[in-house]
Amino acid sequence: MLLDTASLYFRAYFGVPDITAPDGTPVNAVRGLLDFIARLVDGYSPSDLVCCWDNDWRPQWRVDLVPSYKAHRVEAVTETGPDVEEVPDPLQVQIPVIREVLAAAGVPVMGADGYEADDVIGTLATGAGMPVDVVTGDRDLFQLVDDAAGVRVLYTSRGVGNHERVDDAWVRAKYGVSARQYADFATMRGDTSDGLPGVKGVGEKTAAKLLQEYGDLAGVTAAALDATSGLTAALRAKIVAATDYLAVAPTVVAVARDLPLDRSGATLPDGPADPARLAELADRFNLASPVARLTAAMAGR
């Protein structure tokens, strides 16, 4: 089980009522995330579980290719490190607490410098040698769905407790393309939440129809450059106008699958790595109930 951690703690922050530690520190995101993990462990009993982390939420190599990538979410640009993402202050102060609690609980956390959590997920899901559930509210990760390899997405857009199990048939029914085609589909459609403009004038239905007809983005581009293809002159013009974008965007949209990660650290233990430290954190940050639920779920698999 691979968790898109930021997706989950953002959901917890906005969905769980405000609650504070004795010293006034907000902890609703911490409590919500721990309860999400406990619920998922209870429901699926994974042998391995990784909280995948954004070591760099907006990698420079992606920005170099598409400068608008996540640009609207930048709070500050730094000279020596990753750009700072705009995060509500009451959530920002909880992120170090999340890291401390996960470490004490023994829940594996993995990130990779210069890469997003999506890339960590893509790498760990590829060649895992076992069924994989990717837990996320980000539809970009539908590109990882692979029925033959047992990779599916537990999509949390309607809540962790009401998630959808996404396989290839689900993607086809929803979008009219296969999971294998999803990255090309997303490239053409664009995504305002990630600052990806897409092909102007090409929405979901047209993108799906093009991929149904021509197979992949290379086939669509070739058809646009061929005056004898079945494409209308207007549609050919739209695709040709986006040639520069289409030359680089697929690299931005595609998640990495080949990072040098140590897969041996993915096993979810039956109990906390540091019980005393976990108890101290639970008391300090008003986390006794969610910590108890998480440790019970870990022990009960």
C-alpha atoms as a PDB file:
ATOM      1  CA  MET A   1       0.000   0.000   0.000  1.00  0.00           C
ATOM      2  CA  LEU A   2       1.499   3.296  -1.179  1.00  0.00           C
ATOM      3  CA  LEU A   3       0.084   6.477   0.325  1.00  0.00           C
ATOM      4  CA  ASP A   4       0.134   9.860  -1.364  1.00  0.00           C
ATOM      5  CA  THR A   5       0.780  11.371   2.042  1.00  0.00           C
ATOM      6  CA  ALA A   6       0.275  15.050   1.257  1.00  0.00           C
ATOM      7  CA  SER A   7      -3.009  14.273  -0.487  1.00  0.00           C
ATOM      8  CA  LEU A   8      -4.190  12.582   2.696  1.00  0.00           C
ATOM      9  CA  TYR A   9      -3.005  15.144   5.230  1.00  0.00           C
ATOM     10  CA  PHE A  10      -4.469  18.002   3.185  1.00  0.00           C
ATOM     11  CA  ARG A  11      -7.773  16.102   3.135  1.00  0.00           C
ATOM     12  CA  ALA A  12      -7.514  15.560   6.889  1.00  0.00           C
ATOM     13  CA  TYR A  13      -6.748  19.232   7.519  1.00  0.00           C
ATOM     14  CA  PHE A  14      -9.768  20.462   5.590  1.00  0.00           C
ATOM     15  CA  GLY A  15     -12.094  17.644   6.652  1.00  0.00           C
ATOM     16  CA  VAL A  16     -11.397  17.068  10.340  1.00  0.00           C
ATOM     17  CA  PRO A  17     -12.733  19.607  12.879  1.00  0.00           C
ATOM     18  CA  ASP A  18     -10.218  21.910  14.533  1.00  0.00           C
ATOM     19  CA  ILE A  19      -8.558  20.377  17.557  1.00  0.00           C
ATOM     20  CA  THR A  20      -5.441  21.410  19.427  1.00  0.00           C
ATOM     21  CA  ALA A  21      -2.746  20.004  21.663  1.00  0.00           C
ATOM     22  CA  PRO A  22      -2.482  21.259  25.263  1.00  0.00           C
ATOM     23  CA  ASP A  23       0.061  23.877  24.122  1.00  0.00           C
ATOM     24  CA  GLY A  24      -2.322  25.178  21.439  1.00  0.00           C
ATOM     25  CA  THR A  25      -0.688  23.464  18.448  1.00  0.00           C
ATOM     26  CA  PRO A  26      -3.350  22.476  15.889  1.00  0.00           C
ATOM     27  CA  VAL A  27      -3.386  18.720  15.337  1.00  0.00           C
ATOM     28  CA  ASN A  28      -6.468  17.992  13.235  1.00  0.00           C
ATOM     29  CA  ALA A  29      -4.377  16.971  10.201  1.00  0.00           C
ATOM     30  CA  VAL A  30      -2.191  14.699  12.332  1.00  0.00           C
ATOM     31  CA  ARG A  31      -5.178  13.007  13.921  1.00  0.00           C
ATOM     32  CA  GLY A  32      -6.969  12.668  10.608  1.00  0.00           C
ATOM     33  CA  LEU A  33      -3.970  11.164   8.829  1.00  0.00           C
ATOM     34  CA  LEU A  34      -3.392   8.613  11.589  1.00  0.00           C
ATOM     35  CA  ASP A  35      -7.051   7.612  11.468  1.00  0.00           C
ATOM     36  CA  PHE A  36      -6.913   7.328   7.673  1.00  0.00           C
ATOM     37  CA  ILE A  37      -3.912   4.999   7.908  1.00  0.00           C
ATOM     38  CA  ALA A  38      -5.559   2.943  10.652  1.00  0.00           C
ATOM     39  CA  ARG A  39      -8.736   2.585   8.587  1.00  0.00           C
ATOM     40  CA  LEU A  40      -6.790   1.511   5.500  1.00  0.00           C
ATOM     41  CA  VAL A  41      -4.687  -0.983   7.435  1.00  0.00           C
ATOM     42  CA  ASP A  42      -7.826  -2.392   9.055  1.00  0.00           C
ATOM     43  CA  GLY A  43      -9.556  -2.697   5.706  1.00  0.00           C
ATOM     44  CA  TYR A  44      -6.746  -4.105   3.581  1.00  0.00           C
ATOM     45  CA  SER A  45      -4.149  -5.665   5.954  1.00  0.00           C
ATOM     46  CA  PRO A  46      -1.120  -4.694   3.820  1.00  0.00           C
ATOM     47  CA  SER A  47       2.160  -6.456   4.505  1.00  0.00           C
ATOM     48  CA  ASP A  48       4.015  -3.385   3.250  1.00  0.00           C
ATOM     49  CA  LEU A  49       2.952   0.251   3.565  1.00  0.00           C
ATOM     50  CA  VAL A  50       4.837   3.407   2.641  1.00  0.00           C
ATOM     51  CA  CYS A  51       3.923   7.023   3.291  1.00  0.00           C
ATOM     52  CA  CYS A  52       5.386   8.494   0.105  1.00  0.00           C
ATOM     53  CA  TRP A  53       6.740  12.005   0.565  1.00  0.00           C
ATOM     54  CA  ASP A  54       7.237  15.106  -1.542  1.00  0.00           C
ATOM     55  CA  ASN A  55      10.920  15.871  -1.019  1.00  0.00           C
ATOM     56  CA  ASP A  56      10.382  18.377  -3.815  1.00  0.00           C
ATOM     57  CA  TRP A  57       6.736  19.144  -4.608  1.00  0.00           C
ATOM     58  CA  ARG A  58       7.685  21.171  -7.745  1.00  0.00           C
ATOM     59  CA  PRO A  59      10.910  19.744  -9.209  1.00  0.00           C
ATOM     60  CA  GLN A  60      12.959  22.203 -11.208  1.00  0.00           C
ATOM     61  CA  TRP A  61      13.379  19.769 -14.086  1.00  0.00           C
ATOM     62  CA  ARG A  62       9.603  19.744 -14.552  1.00  0.00           C
ATOM     63  CA  VAL A  63       9.418  23.546 -14.308  1.00  0.00           C
ATOM     64  CA  ASP A  64      12.200  23.854 -16.910  1.00  0.00           C
ATOM     65  CA  LEU A  65      10.016  21.907 -19.345  1.00  0.00           C
ATOM     66  CA  VAL A  66       6.674  23.574 -18.502  1.00  0.00           C
ATOM     67  CA  PRO A  67       7.262  26.840 -16.567  1.00  0.00           C
ATOM     68  CA  SER A  68       3.596  27.099 -15.538  1.00  0.00           C
ATOM     69  CA  TYR A  69       3.797  23.769 -13.709  1.00  0.00           C
ATOM     70  CA  LYS A  70       2.215  24.363 -10.262  1.00  0.00           C
ATOM     71  CA  ALA A  71       3.256  28.024 -10.532  1.00  0.00           C
ATOM     72  CA  HIS A  72      -0.015  29.267  -9.038  1.00  0.00           C
ATOM     73  CA  ARG A  73       0.688  27.297  -5.854  1.00  0.00           C
ATOM     74  CA  VAL A  74       4.107  28.830  -5.155  1.00  0.00           C
ATOM     75  CA  GLU A  75       4.301  30.942  -2.015  1.00  0.00           C
ATOM     76  CA  ALA A  76       8.005  31.770  -2.321  1.00  0.00           C
ATOM     77  CA  VAL A  77      10.819  30.993  -4.754  1.00  0.00           C
ATOM     78  CA  THR A  78      14.150  30.028  -3.194  1.00  0.00           C
ATOM     79  CA  GLU A  79      17.621  30.292  -4.665  1.00  0.00           C
ATOM     80  CA  THR A  80      19.138  27.248  -2.987  1.00  0.00           C
ATOM     81  CA  GLY A  81      16.291  24.794  -2.456  1.00  0.00           C
ATOM     82  CA  PRO A  82      12.826  23.756  -3.599  1.00  0.00           C
ATOM     83  CA  ASP A  83      10.174  26.414  -4.058  1.00  0.00           C
ATOM     84  CA  VAL A  84       7.922  26.837  -1.043  1.00  0.00           C
ATOM     85  CA  GLU A  85       4.372  25.596  -1.535  1.00  0.00           C
ATOM     86  CA  GLU A  86       1.485  27.710  -0.308  1.00  0.00           C
ATOM     87  CA  VAL A  87       0.206  25.799   2.720  1.00  0.00           C
ATOM     88  CA  PRO A  88      -2.118  27.140   5.442  1.00  0.00           C
ATOM     89  CA  ASP A  89      -0.072  28.001   8.542  1.00  0.00           C
ATOM     90  CA  PRO A  90      -2.138  25.746  10.848  1.00  0.00           C
ATOM     91  CA  LEU A  91      -1.306  22.833   8.545  1.00  0.00           C
ATOM     92  CA  GLN A  92       2.350  23.756   8.047  1.00  0.00           C
ATOM     93  CA  VAL A  93       3.094  23.483  11.779  1.00  0.00           C
ATOM     94  CA  GLN A  94       1.614  19.973  11.812  1.00  0.00           C
ATOM     95  CA  ILE A  95       3.843  18.479   9.147  1.00  0.00           C
ATOM     96  CA  PRO A  96       6.900  18.032  11.441  1.00  0.00           C
ATOM     97  CA  VAL A  97       4.597  16.435  14.024  1.00  0.00           C
ATOM     98  CA  ILE A  98       3.335  14.012  11.376  1.00  0.00           C
ATOM     99  CA  ARG A  99       6.915  13.015  10.570  1.00  0.00           C
ATOM    100  CA  GLU A 100       7.779  12.500  14.242  1.00  0.00           C
ATOM    101  CA  VAL A 101       4.704  10.393  14.953  1.00  0.00           C
ATOM    102  CA  LEU A 102       5.135   8.226  11.853  1.00  0.00           C
ATOM    103  CA  ALA A 103       8.785   7.597  12.773  1.00  0.00           C
ATOM    104  CA  ALA A 104       7.939   6.616  16.345  1.00  0.00           C
ATOM    105  CA  ALA A 105       5.106   4.404  15.134  1.00  0.00           C
ATOM    106  CA  GLY A 106       7.419   2.666  12.684  1.00  0.00           C
ATOM    107  CA  VAL A 107       5.341   3.556   9.627  1.00  0.00           C
ATOM    108  CA  PRO A 108       7.756   3.686   6.666  1.00  0.00           C
ATOM    109  CA  VAL A 109       8.233   7.064   4.975  1.00  0.00           C
ATOM    110  CA  MET A 110      10.092   7.434   1.669  1.00  0.00           C
ATOM    111  CA  GLY A 111      10.981  10.418  -0.471  1.00  0.00           C
ATOM    112  CA  ALA A 112      13.594  11.189  -3.105  1.00  0.00           C
ATOM    113  CA  ASP A 113      15.426  14.482  -3.509  1.00  0.00           C
ATOM    114  CA  GLY A 114      14.366  16.293  -6.661  1.00  0.00           C
ATOM    115  CA  TYR A 115      11.179  14.246  -7.011  1.00  0.00           C
ATOM    116  CA  GLU A 116       7.563  14.269  -5.929  1.00  0.00           C
ATOM    117  CA  ALA A 117       5.693  11.643  -3.956  1.00  0.00           C
ATOM    118  CA  ASP A 118       4.059  10.583  -7.239  1.00  0.00           C
ATOM    119  CA  ASP A 119       7.489   9.555  -8.523  1.00  0.00           C
ATOM    120  CA  VAL A 120       8.211   7.556  -5.377  1.00  0.00           C
ATOM    121  CA  ILE A 121       4.843   5.846  -5.784  1.00  0.00           C
ATOM    122  CA  GLY A 122       5.519   5.146  -9.458  1.00  0.00           C
ATOM    123  CA  THR A 123       8.873   3.575  -8.682  1.00  0.00           C
ATOM    124  CA  LEU A 124       7.644   1.425  -5.798  1.00  0.00           C
ATOM    125  CA  ALA A 125       4.557   0.308  -7.743  1.00  0.00           C
ATOM    126  CA  THR A 126       6.638  -0.779 -10.726  1.00  0.00           C
ATOM    127  CA  GLY A 127       8.052  -4.265 -10.400  1.00  0.00           C
ATOM    128  CA  ALA A 128       6.843  -4.621  -6.827  1.00  0.00           C
ATOM    129  CA  GLY A 129       6.325  -8.354  -7.205  1.00  0.00           C
ATOM    130  CA  MET A 130       3.075  -8.202  -5.240  1.00  0.00           C
ATOM    131  CA  PRO A 131      -0.334  -6.529  -5.597  1.00  0.00           C
ATOM    132  CA  VAL A 132      -0.179  -2.776  -4.998  1.00  0.00           C
ATOM    133  CA  ASP A 133      -2.834  -0.343  -3.806  1.00  0.00           C
ATOM    134  CA  VAL A 134      -2.057   3.348  -4.406  1.00  0.00           C
ATOM    135  CA  VAL A 135      -4.050   5.602  -2.086  1.00  0.00           C
ATOM    136  CA  THR A 136      -4.538   9.095  -3.487  1.00  0.00           C
ATOM    137  CA  GLY A 137      -6.978  11.808  -4.407  1.00  0.00           C
ATOM    138  CA  ASP A 138      -4.824  12.674  -7.440  1.00  0.00           C
ATOM    139  CA  ARG A 139      -6.139  11.302 -10.721  1.00  0.00           C
ATOM    140  CA  ASP A 140      -2.697  11.692 -12.339  1.00  0.00           C
ATOM    141  CA  LEU A 141      -1.797   8.386 -10.717  1.00  0.00           C
ATOM    142  CA  PHE A 142      -4.405   6.528 -12.776  1.00  0.00           C
ATOM    143  CA  GLN A 143      -1.547   6.075 -15.260  1.00  0.00           C
ATOM    144  CA  LEU A 144      -0.082   3.484 -12.885  1.00  0.00           C
ATOM    145  CA  VAL A 145      -3.121   1.200 -12.957  1.00  0.00           C
ATOM    146  CA  ASP A 146      -2.080  -2.183 -14.321  1.00  0.00           C
ATOM    147  CA  ASP A 147      -4.484  -5.086 -13.988  1.00  0.00           C
ATOM    148  CA  ALA A 148      -1.886  -7.654 -15.053  1.00  0.00           C
ATOM    149  CA  ALA A 149       0.580  -6.484 -12.398  1.00  0.00           C
ATOM    150  CA  GLY A 150      -2.118  -6.076  -9.744  1.00  0.00           C
ATOM    151  CA  VAL A 151      -1.694  -2.304  -9.415  1.00  0.00           C
ATOM    152  CA  ARG A 152      -4.857  -0.349  -8.667  1.00  0.00           C
ATOM    153  CA  VAL A 153      -5.695   3.050  -7.191  1.00  0.00           C
ATOM    154  CA  LEU A 154      -7.854   3.592  -4.115  1.00  0.00           C
ATOM    155  CA  TYR A 155      -9.224   6.980  -5.149  1.00  0.00           C
ATOM    156  CA  THR A 156     -10.180   9.195  -2.224  1.00  0.00           C
ATOM    157  CA  SER A 157     -11.844  12.127  -3.980  1.00  0.00           C
ATOM    158  CA  ARG A 158     -15.070  11.361  -2.097  1.00  0.00           C
ATOM    159  CA  GLY A 159     -13.296  10.577   1.159  1.00  0.00           C
ATOM    160  CA  VAL A 160     -11.058   7.842   2.510  1.00  0.00           C
ATOM    161  CA  GLY A 161     -14.076   6.045   3.951  1.00  0.00           C
ATOM    162  CA  ASN A 162     -15.859   6.223   0.607  1.00  0.00           C
ATOM    163  CA  HIS A 163     -12.967   5.566  -1.754  1.00  0.00           C
ATOM    164  CA  GLU A 164     -13.296   3.988  -5.182  1.00  0.00           C
ATOM    165  CA  ARG A 165     -11.215   1.031  -6.370  1.00  0.00           C
ATOM    166  CA  VAL A 166      -9.810   2.069  -9.719  1.00  0.00           C
ATOM    167  CA  ASP A 167      -8.822  -0.584 -12.245  1.00  0.00           C
ATOM    168  CA  ASP A 168      -8.542  -0.425 -16.016  1.00  0.00           C
ATOM    169  CA  ALA A 169     -12.279  -0.983 -16.526  1.00  0.00           C
ATOM    170  CA  TRP A 170     -13.032   1.918 -14.169  1.00  0.00           C
ATOM    171  CA  VAL A 171     -10.713   4.245 -16.119  1.00  0.00           C
ATOM    172  CA  ARG A 172     -12.257   3.163 -19.430  1.00  0.00           C
ATOM    173  CA  ALA A 173     -15.790   3.680 -18.132  1.00  0.00           C
ATOM    174  CA  LYS A 174     -14.954   7.107 -16.687  1.00  0.00           C
ATOM    175  CA  TYR A 175     -12.762   8.576 -19.423  1.00  0.00           C
ATOM    176  CA  GLY A 176     -13.053   6.390 -22.519  1.00  0.00           C
ATOM    177  CA  VAL A 177      -9.345   5.531 -22.528  1.00  0.00           C
ATOM    178  CA  SER A 178      -7.252   2.750 -21.016  1.00  0.00           C
ATOM    179  CA  ALA A 179      -5.049   3.324 -17.999  1.00  0.00           C
ATOM    180  CA  ARG A 180      -2.063   2.938 -20.338  1.00  0.00           C
ATOM    181  CA  GLN A 181      -3.387   5.904 -22.350  1.00  0.00           C
ATOM    182  CA  TYR A 182      -4.259   8.025 -19.341  1.00  0.00           C
ATOM    183  CA  ALA A 183      -1.017  10.069 -19.245  1.00  0.00           C
ATOM    184  CA  ASP A 184      -1.440  11.052 -22.919  1.00  0.00           C
ATOM    185  CA  PHE A 185      -5.086  11.856 -22.223  1.00  0.00           C
ATOM    186  CA  ALA A 186      -4.131  14.071 -19.268  1.00  0.00           C
ATOM    187  CA  THR A 187      -1.441  15.799 -21.329  1.00  0.00           C
ATOM    188  CA  MET A 188      -3.939  16.819 -24.014  1.00  0.00           C
ATOM    189  CA  ARG A 189      -6.750  17.676 -21.607  1.00  0.00           C
ATOM    190  CA  GLY A 190      -4.500  19.690 -19.311  1.00  0.00           C
ATOM    191  CA  ASP A 191      -4.991  20.262 -15.600  1.00  0.00           C
ATOM    192  CA  THR A 192      -5.470  23.713 -14.092  1.00  0.00           C
ATOM    193  CA  SER A 193      -4.666  22.404 -10.608  1.00  0.00           C
ATOM    194  CA  ASP A 194      -1.139  21.543 -11.828  1.00  0.00           C
ATOM    195  CA  GLY A 195      -0.735  24.497 -14.169  1.00  0.00           C
ATOM    196  CA  LEU A 196      -0.777  22.305 -17.288  1.00  0.00           C
ATOM    197  CA  PRO A 197      -2.508  24.178 -20.124  1.00  0.00           C
ATOM    198  CA  GLY A 198      -3.266  21.189 -22.324  1.00  0.00           C
ATOM    199  CA  VAL A 199      -4.153  21.605 -25.988  1.00  0.00           C
ATOM    200  CA  LYS A 200      -6.336  24.682 -26.350  1.00  0.00           C
ATOM    201  CA  GLY A 201      -9.788  23.685 -27.528  1.00  0.00           C
ATOM    202  CA  VAL A 202      -9.328  19.977 -26.756  1.00  0.00           C
ATOM    203  CA  GLY A 203     -11.336  18.765 -23.772  1.00  0.00           C
ATOM    204  CA  GLU A 204     -11.848  15.330 -22.264  1.00  0.00           C
ATOM    205  CA  LYS A 205     -14.229  14.009 -24.903  1.00  0.00           C
ATOM    206  CA  THR A 206     -12.088  15.090 -27.833  1.00  0.00           C
ATOM    207  CA  ALA A 207      -8.879  13.831 -26.182  1.00  0.00           C
ATOM    208  CA  ALA A 208     -10.502  10.443 -25.561  1.00  0.00           C
ATOM    209  CA  LYS A 209     -11.813  10.228 -29.125  1.00  0.00           C
ATOM    210  CA  LEU A 210      -8.385  11.045 -30.536  1.00  0.00           C
ATOM    211  CA  LEU A 211      -6.723   8.339 -28.463  1.00  0.00           C
ATOM    212  CA  GLN A 212      -9.397   5.816 -29.378  1.00  0.00           C
ATOM    213  CA  GLU A 213      -8.701   6.569 -33.036  1.00  0.00           C
ATOM    214  CA  TYR A 214      -4.920   6.970 -33.054  1.00  0.00           C
ATOM    215  CA  GLY A 215      -3.732   4.997 -30.014  1.00  0.00           C
ATOM    216  CA  ASP A 216      -1.315   7.375 -28.352  1.00  0.00           C
ATOM    217  CA  LEU A 217      -0.028  10.930 -28.418  1.00  0.00           C
ATOM    218  CA  ALA A 218       2.537  10.153 -31.112  1.00  0.00           C
ATOM    219  CA  GLY A 219      -0.241   8.812 -33.318  1.00  0.00           C
ATOM    220  CA  VAL A 220      -2.400  11.872 -32.673  1.00  0.00           C
ATOM    221  CA  THR A 221       0.456  14.233 -33.501  1.00  0.00           C
ATOM    222  CA  ALA A 222       1.274  12.336 -36.682  1.00  0.00           C
ATOM    223  CA  ALA A 223      -2.371  12.535 -37.760  1.00  0.00           C
ATOM    224  CA  ALA A 224      -2.394  16.275 -37.117  1.00  0.00           C
ATOM    225  CA  LEU A 225       0.607  16.706 -39.395  1.00  0.00           C
ATOM    226  CA  ASP A 226      -0.970  14.589 -42.126  1.00  0.00           C
ATOM    227  CA  ALA A 227      -3.384  16.587 -44.292  1.00  0.00           C
ATOM    228  CA  THR A 228      -4.894  13.323 -45.546  1.00  0.00           C
ATOM    229  CA  SER A 229      -5.833  12.061 -42.080  1.00  0.00           C
ATOM    230  CA  GLY A 230      -9.423  11.999 -40.907  1.00  0.00           C
ATOM    231  CA  LEU A 231      -8.953  14.982 -38.637  1.00  0.00           C
ATOM    232  CA  THR A 232     -10.749  18.200 -39.441  1.00  0.00           C
ATOM    233  CA  ALA A 233      -8.624  21.138 -40.456  1.00  0.00           C
ATOM    234  CA  ALA A 234      -9.658  22.992 -37.288  1.00  0.00           C
ATOM    235  CA  LEU A 235      -8.623  20.134 -35.003  1.00  0.00           C
ATOM    236  CA  ARG A 236      -5.354  19.629 -36.866  1.00  0.00           C
ATOM    237  CA  ALA A 237      -4.611  23.321 -36.395  1.00  0.00           C
ATOM    238  CA  LYS A 238      -5.240  23.120 -32.632  1.00  0.00           C
ATOM    239  CA  ILE A 239      -2.861  20.193 -32.220  1.00  0.00           C
ATOM    240  CA  VAL A 240      -0.180  21.712 -34.444  1.00  0.00           C
ATOM    241  CA  ALA A 241      -0.392  24.963 -32.477  1.00  0.00           C
ATOM    242  CA  ALA A 242       0.383  23.000 -29.329  1.00  0.00           C
ATOM    243  CA  THR A 243       3.379  21.165 -30.822  1.00  0.00           C
ATOM    244  CA  ASP A 244       5.940  22.791 -28.513  1.00  0.00           C
ATOM    245  CA  TYR A 245       3.859  21.961 -25.440  1.00  0.00           C
ATOM    246  CA  LEU A 246       3.249  18.383 -26.606  1.00  0.00           C
ATOM    247  CA  ALA A 247       6.978  17.872 -27.112  1.00  0.00           C
ATOM    248  CA  VAL A 248       7.747  18.384 -23.412  1.00  0.00           C
ATOM    249  CA  ALA A 249       4.549  17.919 -21.413  1.00  0.00           C
ATOM    250  CA  PRO A 250       4.505  14.094 -21.543  1.00  0.00           C
ATOM    251  CA  THR A 251       7.765  14.058 -19.560  1.00  0.00           C
ATOM    252  CA  VAL A 252       6.199  16.336 -16.952  1.00  0.00           C
ATOM    253  CA  VAL A 253       2.975  14.321 -16.685  1.00  0.00           C
ATOM    254  CA  ALA A 254       4.603  10.890 -16.590  1.00  0.00           C
ATOM    255  CA  VAL A 255       5.571   9.727 -13.100  1.00  0.00           C
ATOM    256  CA  ALA A 256       9.108   8.422 -12.673  1.00  0.00           C
ATOM    257  CA  ARG A 257       9.391   4.670 -12.292  1.00  0.00           C
ATOM    258  CA  ASP A 258      13.110   4.142 -11.892  1.00  0.00           C
ATOM    259  CA  LEU A 259      14.310   6.022  -8.798  1.00  0.00           C
ATOM    260  CA  PRO A 260      17.044   4.312  -6.739  1.00  0.00           C
ATOM    261  CA  LEU A 261      14.899   3.517  -3.700  1.00  0.00           C
ATOM    262  CA  ASP A 262      15.518   0.921  -1.016  1.00  0.00           C
ATOM    263  CA  ARG A 263      12.446  -1.302  -1.162  1.00  0.00           C
ATOM    264  CA  SER A 264      13.559  -3.237   1.908  1.00  0.00           C
ATOM    265  CA  GLY A 265      12.274  -0.465   4.164  1.00  0.00           C
ATOM    266  CA  ALA A 266       8.636  -0.853   3.132  1.00  0.00           C
ATOM    267  CA  THR A 267       7.473  -3.525   5.586  1.00  0.00           C
ATOM    268  CA  LEU A 268       4.792  -2.370   8.000  1.00  0.00           C
ATOM    269  CA  PRO A 269       5.702  -3.608  11.498  1.00  0.00           C
ATOM    270  CA  ASP A 270       3.269  -5.161  13.962  1.00  0.00           C
ATOM    271  CA  GLY A 271       4.083  -2.567  16.610  1.00  0.00           C
ATOM    272  CA  PRO A 272       5.684   0.845  17.162  1.00  0.00           C
ATOM    273  CA  ALA A 273       9.368   1.351  16.460  1.00  0.00           C
ATOM    274  CA  ASP A 274       9.723   3.464  19.617  1.00  0.00           C
ATOM    275  CA  PRO A 275       6.791   2.880  22.012  1.00  0.00           C
ATOM    276  CA  ALA A 276       8.074   5.304  24.652  1.00  0.00           C
ATOM    277  CA  ARG A 277       8.551   8.120  22.144  1.00  0.00           C
ATOM    278  CA  LEU A 278       5.164   7.418  20.579  1.00  0.00           C
ATOM    279  CA  ALA A 279       3.488   7.572  23.993  1.00  0.00           C
ATOM    280  CA  GLU A 280       5.253  10.849  24.738  1.00  0.00           C
ATOM    281  CA  LEU A 281       4.108  12.370  21.429  1.00  0.00           C
ATOM    282  CA  ALA A 282       0.564  11.096  21.928  1.00  0.00           C
ATOM    283  CA  ASP A 283       0.404  12.780  25.324  1.00  0.00           C
ATOM    284  CA  ARG A 284       2.067  16.007  24.182  1.00  0.00           C
ATOM    285  CA  PHE A 285      -0.095  16.485  21.101  1.00  0.00           C
ATOM    286  CA  ASN A 286      -3.440  15.094  22.238  1.00  0.00           C
ATOM    287  CA  LEU A 287      -3.157  12.049  19.976  1.00  0.00           C
ATOM    288  CA  ALA A 288      -3.923   9.208  22.372  1.00  0.00           C
ATOM    289  CA  SER A 289      -7.029   7.939  20.552  1.00  0.00           C
ATOM    290  CA  PRO A 290      -5.712   7.988  16.957  1.00  0.00           C
ATOM    291  CA  VAL A 291      -2.381   6.520  18.062  1.00  0.00           C
ATOM    292  CA  ALA A 292      -4.219   3.724  19.856  1.00  0.00           C
ATOM    293  CA  ARG A 293      -6.310   3.026  16.752  1.00  0.00           C
ATOM    294  CA  LEU A 294      -3.233   2.957  14.528  1.00  0.00           C
ATOM    295  CA  THR A 295      -1.229   0.644  16.759  1.00  0.00           C
ATOM    296  CA  ALA A 296      -4.236  -1.668  17.149  1.00  0.00           C
ATOM    297  CA  ALA A 297      -4.629  -1.821  13.368  1.00  0.00           C
ATOM    298  CA  MET A 298      -0.916  -2.586  12.903  1.00  0.00           C
ATOM    299  CA  ALA A 299      -1.043  -5.371  15.496  1.00  0.00           C
ATOM    300  CA  GLY A 300      -4.295  -6.826  14.192  1.00  0.00           C
ATOM    301  CA  ARG A 301      -3.275  -7.598  10.626  1.00  0.00           C
END
